[in-house]
Amino acid sequence: MQTNELVAFVTDKIDDLKGRDIVTLDVRGKSSVTEFMVICSGTSTRHAKSVAGYLAAACKKAGVQPLGIEGESSGEWVLLDLDSVVVHVMLEETRDFYQLEKLWSA
């Protein structure tokens, strides 16, 4: 799957489980570890974990093996590493605190 197709696939799957405020950031030239970041919010820790788990399962089914998943135990910030795309599923409070969009858009 090409990177742009993966970004579209990821945002579609996040939308399936009603992930909120989905933002895609192109970090090529700003990050040496990934090309795109997709950031979304969950309404609760359970919702954030569900979105990340659903996305990981959908990626595996589509033949994209996640390189890692972090933060599933707490659910405040779940990171899913898909190599060229890194997905952040965060609680709104956590997202407001870390302001990744502002950090990586500069």
Protein backbone atom coordinates (compact mmCIF):
# COMPACT_ATOMS: atom_id res chain seq x y z
CA MET A 1 0.00 0.00 0.00
CA GLN A 2 1.42 3.39 -0.97
CA THR A 3 1.80 6.06 1.72
CA ASN A 4 -1.05 8.26 0.43
CA GLU A 5 -3.33 5.22 0.23
CA LEU A 6 -2.35 4.27 3.78
CA VAL A 7 -3.17 7.76 5.06
CA ALA A 8 -6.62 7.58 3.42
CA PHE A 9 -7.15 4.05 4.77
CA VAL A 10 -6.19 5.13 8.30
CA THR A 11 -8.46 8.18 8.33
CA ASP A 12 -11.34 6.10 6.96
CA LYS A 13 -10.92 3.45 9.67
CA ILE A 14 -10.66 6.08 12.41
CA ASP A 15 -13.88 7.61 11.10
CA ASP A 16 -15.54 4.16 11.22
CA LEU A 17 -15.27 4.22 15.02
CA LYS A 18 -16.12 7.92 15.29
CA GLY A 19 -12.63 9.18 16.12
CA ARG A 20 -12.94 12.94 16.45
CA ASP A 21 -11.04 15.88 14.97
CA ILE A 22 -8.89 13.85 12.56
CA VAL A 23 -5.85 15.81 11.39
CA THR A 24 -3.20 14.64 8.92
CA LEU A 25 0.25 16.24 9.08
CA ASP A 26 2.88 15.90 6.38
CA VAL A 27 6.15 15.70 8.32
CA ARG A 28 8.44 14.80 5.42
CA GLY A 29 11.59 16.86 5.88
CA LYS A 30 10.73 17.46 9.56
CA SER A 31 10.96 13.89 10.87
CA SER A 32 13.42 11.14 10.09
CA VAL A 33 11.13 8.39 11.39
CA THR A 34 7.90 8.87 9.42
CA GLU A 35 6.31 10.76 6.53
CA PHE A 36 2.84 11.48 7.93
CA MET A 37 1.20 11.75 11.32
CA VAL A 38 -2.51 11.25 11.80
CA ILE A 39 -3.88 12.66 15.04
CA CYS A 40 -7.38 12.13 16.37
CA SER A 41 -9.25 12.31 19.65
CA GLY A 42 -11.16 9.69 21.57
CA THR A 43 -14.03 10.56 23.89
CA SER A 44 -12.73 8.29 26.70
CA THR A 45 -9.82 5.96 27.39
CA ARG A 46 -11.97 3.03 26.31
CA HIS A 47 -12.86 4.79 23.05
CA ALA A 48 -9.20 5.67 22.33
CA LYS A 49 -8.12 2.07 22.94
CA SER A 50 -10.96 0.80 20.75
CA VAL A 51 -10.08 3.10 17.87
CA ALA A 52 -6.41 2.08 18.02
CA GLY A 53 -7.24 -1.62 18.34
CA TYR A 54 -9.71 -1.51 15.45
CA LEU A 55 -7.19 0.34 13.29
CA ALA A 56 -4.41 -2.16 14.10
CA ALA A 57 -6.67 -5.11 13.23
CA ALA A 58 -7.84 -3.45 9.99
CA CYS A 59 -4.24 -2.74 8.98
CA LYS A 60 -3.20 -6.35 9.61
CA LYS A 61 -6.16 -7.56 7.57
CA ALA A 62 -5.09 -5.24 4.73
CA GLY A 63 -1.54 -6.59 4.86
CA VAL A 64 0.06 -3.68 6.74
CA GLN A 65 1.81 -4.96 9.85
CA PRO A 66 2.06 -2.33 12.62
CA LEU A 67 5.64 -1.90 13.83
CA GLY A 68 4.45 -1.11 17.34
CA ILE A 69 1.61 0.04 19.54
CA GLU A 70 2.26 2.08 22.67
CA GLY A 71 -0.03 3.41 25.38
CA GLU A 72 -2.81 0.82 25.17
CA SER A 73 -2.74 0.19 28.90
CA SER A 74 -3.65 3.76 29.88
CA GLY A 75 -5.56 4.82 26.76
CA GLU A 76 -4.84 8.52 27.26
CA TRP A 77 -2.48 8.53 24.27
CA VAL A 78 -2.22 5.47 22.05
CA LEU A 79 0.46 5.54 19.35
CA LEU A 80 0.31 3.17 16.39
CA ASP A 81 3.47 3.00 14.25
CA LEU A 82 2.76 2.01 10.65
CA ASP A 83 6.25 3.05 9.43
CA SER A 84 5.44 5.80 6.91
CA VAL A 85 2.38 6.81 8.97
CA VAL A 86 2.29 7.25 12.74
CA VAL A 87 -1.15 7.47 14.32
CA HIS A 88 -1.84 9.25 17.62
CA VAL A 89 -5.20 8.55 19.28
CA MET A 90 -5.45 10.89 22.24
CA LEU A 91 -7.91 12.07 24.84
CA GLU A 92 -8.90 15.68 24.20
CA GLU A 93 -7.16 16.89 27.39
CA THR A 94 -3.94 15.10 26.44
CA ARG A 95 -4.11 16.45 22.91
CA ASP A 96 -4.63 20.01 24.21
CA PHE A 97 -1.67 19.63 26.56
CA TYR A 98 0.87 18.30 24.05
CA GLN A 99 -0.35 20.28 21.00
CA LEU A 100 1.30 18.00 18.44
CA GLU A 101 -0.36 19.83 15.55
CA LYS A 102 1.31 23.07 16.61
CA LEU A 103 4.66 21.38 17.22
CA TRP A 104 4.82 19.61 13.85
CA SER A 105 3.17 22.33 11.75
CA ALA A 106 5.85 24.92 12.57
